[in-house]
Amino acid sequence: MPVPDYQSLMLPLLRFAREKKDETSTGEAVEALAKELNLTEADLKEMLPSGIQSTFKK
């Protein structure tokens, strides 16, 4: 599954925040999203057209 666009990531992120009910690190949220979306290592390494940054910052 390719990395979803920004809008598609928002609902799972908001659900994570609601369930967490406490402060969390960005890294923890990113890990939870990657797991929920079943992103593969290849998905996580996908680069933006610039080739400088990955589409899913981990």
N, C-alpha and C. Protein backbone atom coordinates (compact mmCIF):
# COMPACT_ATOMS: atom_id res chain seq x y z
N MET A 1 0.85 -1.18 0.00
CA MET A 1 0.00 0.00 0.00
C MET A 1 0.88 1.23 0.00
N PRO A 2 0.71 2.10 -0.96
CA PRO A 2 1.52 3.33 -0.95
C PRO A 2 1.11 4.23 0.22
N VAL A 3 1.98 5.13 0.56
CA VAL A 3 1.70 6.07 1.65
C VAL A 3 0.50 6.92 1.26
N PRO A 4 -0.54 6.96 2.11
CA PRO A 4 -1.72 7.77 1.81
C PRO A 4 -1.39 9.26 1.82
N ASP A 5 -2.27 10.04 1.22
CA ASP A 5 -2.07 11.50 1.23
C ASP A 5 -2.40 12.06 2.62
N TYR A 6 -2.12 13.31 2.78
CA TYR A 6 -2.27 14.00 4.07
C TYR A 6 -3.67 13.83 4.64
N GLN A 7 -4.69 14.07 3.82
CA GLN A 7 -6.06 14.00 4.31
C GLN A 7 -6.43 12.59 4.76
N SER A 8 -5.92 11.60 4.08
CA SER A 8 -6.22 10.21 4.44
C SER A 8 -5.53 9.79 5.73
N LEU A 9 -4.46 10.46 6.09
CA LEU A 9 -3.74 10.16 7.33
C LEU A 9 -4.39 10.78 8.56
N MET A 10 -5.18 11.83 8.35
CA MET A 10 -5.70 12.59 9.47
C MET A 10 -6.64 11.78 10.37
N LEU A 11 -7.58 11.03 9.81
CA LEU A 11 -8.52 10.29 10.64
C LEU A 11 -7.81 9.25 11.51
N PRO A 12 -6.92 8.42 10.96
CA PRO A 12 -6.19 7.50 11.84
C PRO A 12 -5.35 8.23 12.90
N LEU A 13 -4.79 9.37 12.55
CA LEU A 13 -4.00 10.14 13.52
C LEU A 13 -4.89 10.67 14.63
N LEU A 14 -6.05 11.19 14.28
CA LEU A 14 -6.97 11.70 15.29
C LEU A 14 -7.49 10.58 16.19
N ARG A 15 -7.73 9.41 15.62
CA ARG A 15 -8.16 8.26 16.43
C ARG A 15 -7.06 7.88 17.43
N PHE A 16 -5.81 7.88 16.94
CA PHE A 16 -4.68 7.56 17.81
C PHE A 16 -4.61 8.56 18.97
N ALA A 17 -4.76 9.84 18.66
CA ALA A 17 -4.69 10.88 19.69
C ALA A 17 -5.82 10.72 20.70
N ARG A 18 -7.01 10.38 20.23
CA ARG A 18 -8.14 10.19 21.13
C ARG A 18 -7.90 9.01 22.08
N GLU A 19 -7.38 7.92 21.54
CA GLU A 19 -7.13 6.74 22.35
C GLU A 19 -5.98 6.94 23.34
N LYS A 20 -5.00 7.72 22.93
CA LYS A 20 -3.82 7.95 23.76
C LYS A 20 -4.17 8.76 25.01
N LYS A 21 -4.95 9.80 24.86
CA LYS A 21 -5.42 10.65 25.97
C LYS A 21 -4.28 11.24 26.80
N ASP A 22 -3.10 11.32 26.26
CA ASP A 22 -1.96 11.86 26.98
C ASP A 22 -0.96 12.37 25.95
N GLU A 23 0.02 13.10 26.40
CA GLU A 23 1.04 13.56 25.49
C GLU A 23 1.76 12.37 24.87
N THR A 24 2.21 12.57 23.65
CA THR A 24 2.95 11.53 22.96
C THR A 24 3.99 12.17 22.07
N SER A 25 4.98 11.42 21.71
CA SER A 25 6.00 11.96 20.82
C SER A 25 5.54 11.80 19.37
N THR A 26 6.11 12.59 18.51
CA THR A 26 5.81 12.47 17.08
C THR A 26 6.21 11.09 16.60
N GLY A 27 7.35 10.62 17.06
CA GLY A 27 7.83 9.30 16.66
C GLY A 27 6.86 8.19 17.01
N GLU A 28 6.25 8.27 18.19
CA GLU A 28 5.29 7.27 18.60
C GLU A 28 4.04 7.31 17.71
N ALA A 29 3.60 8.51 17.36
CA ALA A 29 2.44 8.66 16.48
C ALA A 29 2.75 8.12 15.09
N VAL A 30 3.94 8.40 14.60
CA VAL A 30 4.36 7.92 13.28
C VAL A 30 4.41 6.40 13.26
N GLU A 31 4.98 5.82 14.30
CA GLU A 31 5.05 4.35 14.41
C GLU A 31 3.65 3.74 14.41
N ALA A 32 2.73 4.34 15.17
CA ALA A 32 1.37 3.83 15.25
C ALA A 32 0.66 3.92 13.90
N LEU A 33 0.86 5.05 13.20
CA LEU A 33 0.24 5.21 11.87
C LEU A 33 0.80 4.20 10.88
N ALA A 34 2.10 4.02 10.88
CA ALA A 34 2.72 3.07 9.95
C ALA A 34 2.18 1.66 10.19
N LYS A 35 2.03 1.31 11.46
CA LYS A 35 1.52 -0.02 11.80
C LYS A 35 0.06 -0.16 11.39
N GLU A 36 -0.76 0.85 11.72
CA GLU A 36 -2.19 0.78 11.39
C GLU A 36 -2.43 0.72 9.89
N LEU A 37 -1.60 1.42 9.14
CA LEU A 37 -1.76 1.47 7.68
C LEU A 37 -1.05 0.31 6.98
N ASN A 38 -0.40 -0.55 7.76
CA ASN A 38 0.31 -1.71 7.21
C ASN A 38 1.33 -1.31 6.15
N LEU A 39 2.09 -0.26 6.43
CA LEU A 39 3.10 0.20 5.48
C LEU A 39 4.32 -0.71 5.54
N THR A 40 4.83 -1.06 4.38
CA THR A 40 6.02 -1.90 4.29
C THR A 40 7.27 -1.03 4.38
N GLU A 41 8.41 -1.66 4.51
CA GLU A 41 9.68 -0.92 4.50
C GLU A 41 9.84 -0.15 3.19
N ALA A 42 9.42 -0.75 2.09
CA ALA A 42 9.49 -0.07 0.79
C ALA A 42 8.61 1.17 0.78
N ASP A 43 7.43 1.07 1.37
CA ASP A 43 6.53 2.23 1.46
C ASP A 43 7.18 3.34 2.28
N LEU A 44 7.81 2.96 3.39
CA LEU A 44 8.43 3.95 4.27
C LEU A 44 9.65 4.62 3.63
N LYS A 45 10.27 3.95 2.67
CA LYS A 45 11.45 4.51 2.00
C LYS A 45 11.11 5.28 0.73
N GLU A 46 9.84 5.30 0.35
CA GLU A 46 9.41 6.03 -0.85
C GLU A 46 9.78 7.50 -0.71
N MET A 47 10.38 8.06 -1.75
CA MET A 47 10.86 9.44 -1.69
C MET A 47 9.91 10.41 -2.39
N LEU A 48 9.95 11.66 -1.94
CA LEU A 48 9.24 12.73 -2.62
C LEU A 48 9.92 12.96 -3.97
N PRO A 49 9.24 13.62 -4.91
CA PRO A 49 9.86 13.87 -6.22
C PRO A 49 11.22 14.58 -6.13
N SER A 50 11.43 15.36 -5.08
CA SER A 50 12.72 16.06 -4.93
C SER A 50 13.85 15.07 -4.66
N GLY A 51 13.51 13.89 -4.12
CA GLY A 51 14.52 12.90 -3.79
C GLY A 51 15.30 13.20 -2.53
N ILE A 52 14.88 14.23 -1.79
CA ILE A 52 15.60 14.65 -0.58
C ILE A 52 14.98 14.06 0.69
N GLN A 53 13.67 13.86 0.68
CA GLN A 53 12.97 13.42 1.89
C GLN A 53 11.98 12.31 1.53
N SER A 54 11.77 11.40 2.48
CA SER A 54 10.79 10.34 2.25
C SER A 54 9.38 10.90 2.39
N THR A 55 8.41 10.22 1.77
CA THR A 55 7.03 10.68 1.84
C THR A 55 6.43 10.47 3.20
N PHE A 56 6.97 9.50 3.95
CA PHE A 56 6.48 9.20 5.29
C PHE A 56 7.65 9.31 6.23
N LYS A 57 7.73 10.39 6.94
CA LYS A 57 8.87 10.65 7.81
C LYS A 57 8.85 9.72 9.01
N LYS A 58 9.88 8.94 9.15
CA LYS A 58 9.95 8.01 10.26
C LYS A 58 11.20 8.19 11.04
